[in-house]
Amino acid sequence: MATPEKLLVLYTGGTIGMQMSADGLAPASGFEARMRTQQTCENASELPQWSFRELLPLIDSANMNPGHWLALRDEIVTAVEAHGHDAVLVLHGTDTLAYSAAALSFLLLGLEVPVVLTGAMQPAGVADGDAWPNLFGAMRELHRGVTPGVHLYFNGQLLHGARCSKLRSDAFDAFQVLPRQRQAEHVGLSALIDYRQVRQQANLAVLPLHPALQAGHLGALLDSGVKGVLLECYGSGTGPAGDAELMAVLRDAHARGVVLAAISQCPQGHVQFGVYAAGSRLAEVGLVSCGGMTREAALGKLFALLGAGLTQAEVEYWLARDLCGEMSD
């Protein structure tokens, strides 16, 4: 955990650097100059040397999509391998910050540098706001030494990139790691899924199970061309196993090669299919347990695995195993 000698600050947009426009707050260029002005008020001995790059076009993170994840991955890998950066700080909007942190955790597997994402609930310059504390707090954390891998820094906490979620929209402590059971087998990294593996876009969807769900609703989604669906099950991994038509839709989709991943929709839940018969029936038609993973982590992992061109069986194998601490303590 050495102090970085060549930190890259990669600015993607988000509230942290927004300025007022005719339509309200919007992403704005020129943030490097504002950072360097603010740095004169900070203790320079606690900060690493850094350079700055904007990932254009700057966006409100509400507009983030998987294509942006791939662009971020490419920028970070190029920064490390082509330009010699030994750490990267990503400035990102908070709405999808946890999704990007999780996706990058799997798109950058094996990259031996720390990558830290941060943002803010209020724009830089707001009196008593959280922008400068989060940004320079993350830089101080990096200066002290951060382990390789993807992390999220917010409100004084360094969080695991594939374990955190945004839980609040009205307070500075918006991000937390909730206690979830993580007992999956940790496995060594394969060249099939490390950061060097070329990734493509993958057509994915997320669907919570609920009492009003009908087979026709699910069938329309599964017939839309998706390669993988993340199903948010009840409790420990149950669902409407008594609905024969709905179960047939799931079974047919799995037979066609669609990956069916399962998480618990409970904030502190985990999937353990064998606890209830209703859960066992879901496993029988092809659902794969993602254990105690969050929605953000499971979606990012599914995207990274399918994007690597793996077969259905290969994706299901890696989904059920811990790759970077997302499923084990």
Protein backbone atom coordinates (compact mmCIF):
# COMPACT_ATOMS: atom_id res chain seq x y z
CA MET A 1 0.00 0.00 0.00
CA ALA A 2 2.56 2.55 -1.15
CA THR A 3 1.82 6.23 -1.52
CA PRO A 4 0.96 6.91 -5.15
CA GLU A 5 3.53 8.93 -7.04
CA LYS A 6 1.39 9.56 -10.10
CA LEU A 7 -2.31 9.84 -9.29
CA LEU A 8 -4.83 10.46 -12.07
CA VAL A 9 -8.01 12.35 -11.17
CA LEU A 10 -10.62 11.32 -13.74
CA TYR A 11 -13.62 13.66 -13.80
CA THR A 12 -16.85 12.27 -15.29
CA GLY A 13 -19.30 14.97 -14.18
CA GLY A 14 -21.84 14.68 -11.37
CA THR A 15 -22.99 17.03 -8.65
CA ILE A 16 -19.48 17.58 -7.29
CA GLY A 17 -18.51 19.82 -10.20
CA MET A 18 -21.91 21.10 -11.29
CA GLN A 19 -22.71 24.77 -11.79
CA MET A 20 -26.03 26.52 -12.22
CA SER A 21 -27.47 26.74 -15.73
CA ALA A 22 -30.76 28.09 -17.08
CA ASP A 23 -32.28 24.63 -16.49
CA GLY A 24 -30.74 24.01 -13.08
CA LEU A 25 -27.51 22.38 -11.95
CA ALA A 26 -25.56 20.81 -14.81
CA PRO A 27 -22.08 19.28 -15.30
CA ALA A 28 -19.43 21.89 -16.07
CA SER A 29 -15.85 21.84 -17.34
CA GLY A 30 -13.04 23.76 -15.67
CA PHE A 31 -13.04 21.73 -12.47
CA GLU A 32 -9.28 21.21 -12.41
CA ALA A 33 -8.68 24.92 -11.83
CA ARG A 34 -11.19 24.92 -8.98
CA MET A 35 -9.48 21.90 -7.43
CA ARG A 36 -6.06 23.50 -7.58
CA THR A 37 -7.38 26.71 -6.04
CA GLN A 38 -8.99 24.77 -3.21
CA GLN A 39 -5.82 22.73 -2.69
CA THR A 40 -4.03 25.87 -1.51
CA CYS A 41 -6.32 25.69 1.55
CA GLU A 42 -5.43 22.06 2.22
CA ASN A 43 -2.34 20.53 3.85
CA ALA A 44 -0.19 19.75 0.81
CA SER A 45 1.95 17.24 2.74
CA GLU A 46 -1.10 14.99 3.10
CA LEU A 47 -1.86 14.88 -0.63
CA PRO A 48 -0.25 12.98 -3.51
CA GLN A 49 0.92 14.56 -6.74
CA TRP A 50 -1.86 14.39 -9.30
CA SER A 51 -2.85 15.15 -12.85
CA PHE A 52 -6.35 15.68 -14.20
CA ARG A 53 -8.41 14.38 -17.09
CA GLU A 54 -12.03 14.92 -18.09
CA LEU A 55 -13.98 11.99 -19.53
CA LEU A 56 -16.07 13.75 -22.16
CA PRO A 57 -18.91 14.32 -22.50
CA LEU A 58 -19.42 15.15 -18.83
CA ILE A 59 -22.70 13.73 -17.59
CA ASP A 60 -25.18 13.81 -14.77
CA SER A 61 -24.75 10.27 -13.42
CA ALA A 62 -28.49 9.69 -13.81
CA ASN A 63 -27.55 9.23 -17.49
CA MET A 64 -24.89 6.60 -16.74
CA ASN A 65 -25.17 3.37 -18.75
CA PRO A 66 -23.01 0.27 -19.30
CA GLY A 67 -21.29 1.94 -22.24
CA HIS A 68 -19.91 4.49 -19.80
CA TRP A 69 -18.63 1.64 -17.59
CA LEU A 70 -16.64 0.31 -20.52
CA ALA A 71 -15.31 3.79 -21.33
CA LEU A 72 -14.24 4.23 -17.70
CA ARG A 73 -12.53 0.85 -17.73
CA ASP A 74 -10.64 1.76 -20.89
CA GLU A 75 -9.55 5.15 -19.52
CA ILE A 76 -8.28 3.61 -16.30
CA VAL A 77 -6.39 0.78 -17.99
CA THR A 78 -4.80 3.22 -20.46
CA ALA A 79 -3.83 5.54 -17.61
CA VAL A 80 -2.06 2.71 -15.81
CA GLU A 81 -0.51 0.77 -18.68
CA ALA A 82 0.27 3.55 -21.16
CA HIS A 83 0.88 6.54 -18.90
CA GLY A 84 2.28 4.99 -15.74
CA HIS A 85 -0.34 6.16 -13.25
CA ASP A 86 -0.22 4.15 -10.03
CA ALA A 87 -3.64 5.18 -8.67
CA VAL A 88 -6.87 6.62 -10.06
CA LEU A 89 -9.48 8.81 -8.37
CA VAL A 90 -12.80 8.92 -10.25
CA LEU A 91 -15.14 11.88 -9.63
CA HIS A 92 -18.67 10.68 -10.29
CA GLY A 93 -22.28 11.63 -9.59
CA THR A 94 -23.94 9.93 -6.65
CA ASP A 95 -27.11 8.56 -8.28
CA THR A 96 -25.26 5.68 -9.95
CA LEU A 97 -21.97 5.84 -8.06
CA ALA A 98 -22.45 2.46 -6.38
CA TYR A 99 -23.35 0.85 -9.72
CA SER A 100 -20.17 2.14 -11.36
CA ALA A 101 -18.01 1.14 -8.38
CA ALA A 102 -19.44 -2.38 -8.54
CA ALA A 103 -19.11 -2.71 -12.32
CA LEU A 104 -15.50 -1.49 -12.24
CA SER A 105 -14.74 -3.97 -9.45
CA PHE A 106 -15.31 -6.75 -12.00
CA LEU A 107 -14.10 -4.99 -15.15
CA LEU A 108 -10.75 -4.26 -13.45
CA LEU A 109 -10.11 -7.62 -11.78
CA GLY A 110 -6.37 -8.12 -11.41
CA LEU A 111 -5.35 -4.51 -12.04
CA GLU A 112 -2.74 -3.93 -9.33
CA VAL A 113 -3.49 -0.29 -8.51
CA PRO A 114 -6.05 1.34 -6.22
CA VAL A 115 -9.08 2.90 -7.91
CA VAL A 116 -11.23 5.12 -5.67
CA LEU A 117 -14.56 6.67 -6.67
CA THR A 118 -16.10 9.63 -4.90
CA GLY A 119 -18.66 12.36 -5.44
CA ALA A 120 -20.79 14.73 -3.42
CA MET A 121 -24.34 15.45 -2.39
CA GLN A 122 -23.76 19.17 -2.96
CA PRO A 123 -21.65 21.02 -5.56
CA ALA A 124 -18.16 22.19 -4.70
CA GLY A 125 -18.27 25.70 -3.26
CA VAL A 126 -21.45 25.27 -1.24
CA ALA A 127 -20.79 26.46 2.31
CA ASP A 128 -20.32 23.52 4.68
CA GLY A 129 -20.90 21.14 1.78
CA ASP A 130 -19.36 17.70 1.32
CA ALA A 131 -17.61 18.11 -2.05
CA TRP A 132 -14.15 19.21 -0.90
CA PRO A 133 -14.13 16.94 2.20
CA ASN A 134 -14.98 13.93 0.02
CA LEU A 135 -12.53 14.79 -2.75
CA PHE A 136 -9.54 15.72 -0.62
CA GLY A 137 -10.47 13.08 1.94
CA ALA A 138 -10.17 10.47 -0.81
CA MET A 139 -6.82 11.92 -1.86
CA ARG A 140 -5.54 11.79 1.74
CA GLU A 141 -6.70 8.18 1.99
CA LEU A 142 -4.76 7.35 -1.17
CA HIS A 143 -1.70 9.19 0.13
CA ARG A 144 -1.78 7.01 3.27
CA GLY A 145 -1.99 3.89 1.12
CA VAL A 146 -4.97 1.98 -0.28
CA THR A 147 -4.95 -1.65 -1.36
CA PRO A 148 -5.29 -2.44 -5.08
CA GLY A 149 -8.87 -2.85 -6.21
CA VAL A 150 -11.94 -0.64 -6.48
CA HIS A 151 -13.17 1.39 -3.53
CA LEU A 152 -15.76 4.10 -2.82
CA TYR A 153 -14.88 6.97 -0.49
CA PHE A 154 -17.71 8.99 1.03
CA ASN A 155 -18.30 10.94 4.23
CA GLY A 156 -14.99 9.85 5.74
CA GLN A 157 -15.43 6.15 4.95
CA LEU A 158 -13.48 3.98 2.52
CA LEU A 159 -15.94 1.32 1.34
CA HIS A 160 -15.58 -1.85 -0.70
CA GLY A 161 -16.56 -1.03 -4.28
CA ALA A 162 -18.70 -4.14 -4.73
CA ARG A 163 -20.50 -4.05 -1.38
CA CYS A 164 -21.93 -0.54 -0.98
CA SER A 165 -25.27 1.00 -1.88
CA LYS A 166 -26.75 4.48 -1.84
CA LEU A 167 -29.29 4.43 0.98
CA ARG A 168 -30.11 8.10 1.42
CA SER A 169 -30.74 11.07 -0.86
CA ASP A 170 -30.85 13.74 1.83
CA ALA A 171 -27.69 13.38 3.93
CA PHE A 172 -23.92 13.28 3.59
CA ASP A 173 -23.70 9.67 4.84
CA ALA A 174 -25.57 8.47 1.77
CA PHE A 175 -23.49 5.33 1.14
CA GLN A 176 -23.18 2.33 3.43
CA VAL A 177 -22.24 -1.33 3.40
CA LEU A 178 -25.16 -3.20 4.92
CA PRO A 179 -24.49 -6.47 6.74
CA ARG A 180 -25.30 -9.31 4.36
CA GLN A 181 -24.26 -12.94 4.69
CA ARG A 182 -21.19 -13.55 2.52
CA GLN A 183 -20.01 -17.14 2.62
CA ALA A 184 -19.26 -18.04 -1.00
CA GLU A 185 -16.13 -19.84 -2.09
CA HIS A 186 -13.30 -17.48 -3.03
CA VAL A 187 -11.48 -18.59 -6.17
CA GLY A 188 -8.33 -17.53 -7.95
CA LEU A 189 -8.55 -15.13 -10.85
CA SER A 190 -8.79 -16.55 -14.37
CA ALA A 191 -7.46 -14.87 -17.51
CA LEU A 192 -10.98 -15.36 -18.90
CA ILE A 193 -12.31 -12.61 -16.64
CA ASP A 194 -9.41 -10.34 -15.68
CA TYR A 195 -9.12 -6.71 -16.80
CA ARG A 196 -7.21 -7.63 -19.98
CA GLN A 197 -10.18 -9.53 -21.37
CA VAL A 198 -11.93 -7.55 -24.10
CA ARG A 199 -15.49 -6.70 -23.11
CA GLN A 200 -18.55 -6.09 -25.23
CA GLN A 201 -21.95 -4.64 -24.39
CA ALA A 202 -24.35 -7.11 -22.79
CA ASN A 203 -28.14 -6.80 -22.87
CA LEU A 204 -29.31 -7.13 -19.25
CA ALA A 205 -32.40 -6.47 -17.16
CA VAL A 206 -33.35 -6.35 -13.48
CA LEU A 207 -36.79 -7.40 -12.23
CA PRO A 208 -38.11 -7.52 -8.66
CA LEU A 209 -40.57 -10.30 -7.93
CA HIS A 210 -43.88 -9.00 -6.54
CA PRO A 211 -47.42 -10.32 -6.05
CA ALA A 212 -48.75 -8.58 -9.18
CA LEU A 213 -46.15 -10.15 -11.50
CA GLN A 214 -47.69 -12.21 -14.29
CA ALA A 215 -46.16 -14.76 -16.63
CA GLY A 216 -46.93 -12.46 -19.56
CA HIS A 217 -44.95 -9.61 -17.99
CA LEU A 218 -41.94 -11.84 -17.40
CA GLY A 219 -42.25 -13.47 -20.80
CA ALA A 220 -42.21 -10.12 -22.60
CA LEU A 221 -38.99 -9.20 -20.82
CA LEU A 222 -37.30 -12.53 -21.45
CA ASP A 223 -38.33 -12.45 -25.12
CA SER A 224 -36.84 -8.97 -25.61
CA GLY A 225 -33.36 -10.22 -26.47
CA VAL A 226 -31.83 -10.05 -22.98
CA LYS A 227 -28.86 -12.32 -22.32
CA GLY A 228 -29.17 -12.13 -18.57
CA VAL A 229 -31.82 -11.15 -16.02
CA LEU A 230 -31.23 -10.31 -12.38
CA LEU A 231 -34.29 -11.42 -10.42
CA GLU A 232 -34.80 -9.84 -7.00
CA CYS A 233 -36.41 -12.65 -5.03
CA TYR A 234 -38.26 -12.61 -1.74
CA GLY A 235 -36.40 -13.28 1.51
CA SER A 236 -33.91 -16.12 1.20
CA GLY A 237 -34.65 -16.68 -2.48
CA THR A 238 -38.29 -17.56 -2.90
CA GLY A 239 -40.81 -16.64 -5.56
CA PRO A 240 -44.17 -17.66 -7.06
CA ALA A 241 -43.20 -21.31 -7.56
CA GLY A 242 -46.88 -22.27 -7.54
CA ASP A 243 -47.51 -20.33 -10.75
CA ALA A 244 -46.91 -23.05 -13.33
CA GLU A 245 -47.09 -20.67 -16.29
CA LEU A 246 -44.55 -18.28 -14.81
CA MET A 247 -42.20 -21.13 -13.93
CA ALA A 248 -42.47 -22.46 -17.47
CA VAL A 249 -41.45 -19.04 -18.81
CA LEU A 250 -38.33 -19.13 -16.65
CA ARG A 251 -37.50 -22.71 -17.61
CA ASP A 252 -37.88 -21.99 -21.33
CA ALA A 253 -35.72 -18.86 -21.12
CA HIS A 254 -32.95 -20.75 -19.34
CA ALA A 255 -33.13 -23.50 -21.96
CA ARG A 256 -32.57 -20.79 -24.63
CA GLY A 257 -29.38 -19.68 -22.89
CA VAL A 258 -30.58 -16.72 -20.80
CA VAL A 259 -28.69 -16.42 -17.52
CA LEU A 260 -31.07 -16.09 -14.56
CA ALA A 261 -29.31 -14.61 -11.53
CA ALA A 262 -31.01 -14.27 -8.14
CA ILE A 263 -30.49 -11.91 -5.22
CA SER A 264 -32.62 -11.11 -2.18
CA GLN A 265 -34.68 -7.93 -2.33
CA CYS A 266 -34.24 -7.57 1.46
CA PRO A 267 -31.66 -4.88 2.32
CA GLN A 268 -29.88 -7.33 4.63
CA GLY A 269 -30.88 -10.54 2.88
CA HIS A 270 -29.14 -13.33 1.02
CA VAL A 271 -30.25 -16.13 -1.27
CA GLN A 272 -30.20 -19.69 0.04
CA PHE A 273 -32.51 -21.65 -2.22
CA GLY A 274 -32.83 -24.84 -0.14
CA VAL A 275 -34.46 -23.19 2.88
CA TYR A 276 -37.96 -23.25 1.36
CA ALA A 277 -39.49 -25.48 -1.29
CA ALA A 278 -40.45 -22.34 -3.23
CA GLY A 279 -36.77 -21.47 -3.45
CA SER A 280 -35.78 -24.98 -4.50
CA ARG A 281 -38.26 -24.81 -7.39
CA LEU A 282 -36.60 -21.61 -8.63
CA ALA A 283 -33.22 -23.31 -8.61
CA GLU A 284 -34.68 -26.24 -10.55
CA VAL A 285 -35.76 -24.00 -13.45
CA GLY A 286 -32.30 -22.44 -13.75
CA LEU A 287 -31.87 -19.57 -11.29
CA VAL A 288 -28.36 -19.13 -9.89
CA SER A 289 -27.86 -17.79 -6.38
CA CYS A 290 -25.77 -14.65 -6.00
CA GLY A 291 -25.71 -15.17 -2.23
CA GLY A 292 -25.60 -11.90 -0.31
CA MET A 293 -24.63 -9.67 -3.20
CA THR A 294 -26.26 -6.29 -3.65
CA ARG A 295 -28.21 -5.38 -6.77
CA GLU A 296 -25.35 -3.12 -7.87
CA ALA A 297 -22.74 -5.84 -7.45
CA ALA A 298 -24.78 -8.60 -9.07
CA LEU A 299 -25.64 -6.43 -12.07
CA GLY A 300 -22.04 -5.31 -12.55
CA LYS A 301 -20.73 -8.86 -12.20
CA LEU A 302 -23.30 -10.25 -14.64
CA PHE A 303 -22.41 -7.51 -17.13
CA ALA A 304 -18.68 -8.19 -16.86
CA LEU A 305 -19.07 -11.95 -17.26
CA LEU A 306 -21.50 -11.85 -20.17
CA GLY A 307 -19.46 -9.07 -21.78
CA ALA A 308 -16.41 -11.34 -21.74
CA GLY A 309 -18.19 -13.69 -24.15
CA LEU A 310 -18.50 -16.58 -21.70
CA THR A 311 -21.00 -19.38 -22.17
CA GLN A 312 -24.11 -19.64 -20.02
CA ALA A 313 -22.50 -22.39 -17.94
CA GLU A 314 -19.30 -20.36 -17.46
CA VAL A 315 -21.22 -17.27 -16.40
CA GLU A 316 -23.23 -19.32 -13.91
CA TYR A 317 -20.03 -20.86 -12.49
CA TRP A 318 -18.34 -17.51 -11.85
CA LEU A 319 -21.54 -15.84 -10.61
CA ALA A 320 -21.72 -18.27 -7.72
CA ARG A 321 -18.10 -17.69 -6.63
CA ASP A 322 -16.37 -14.82 -4.90
CA LEU A 323 -14.02 -12.87 -7.15
CA CYS A 324 -13.08 -9.73 -5.22
CA GLY A 325 -14.76 -9.87 -1.82
CA GLU A 326 -18.29 -9.26 -3.09
CA MET A 327 -19.48 -12.60 -1.66
CA SER A 328 -17.08 -13.40 1.18
CA ASP A 329 -15.71 -11.57 4.21
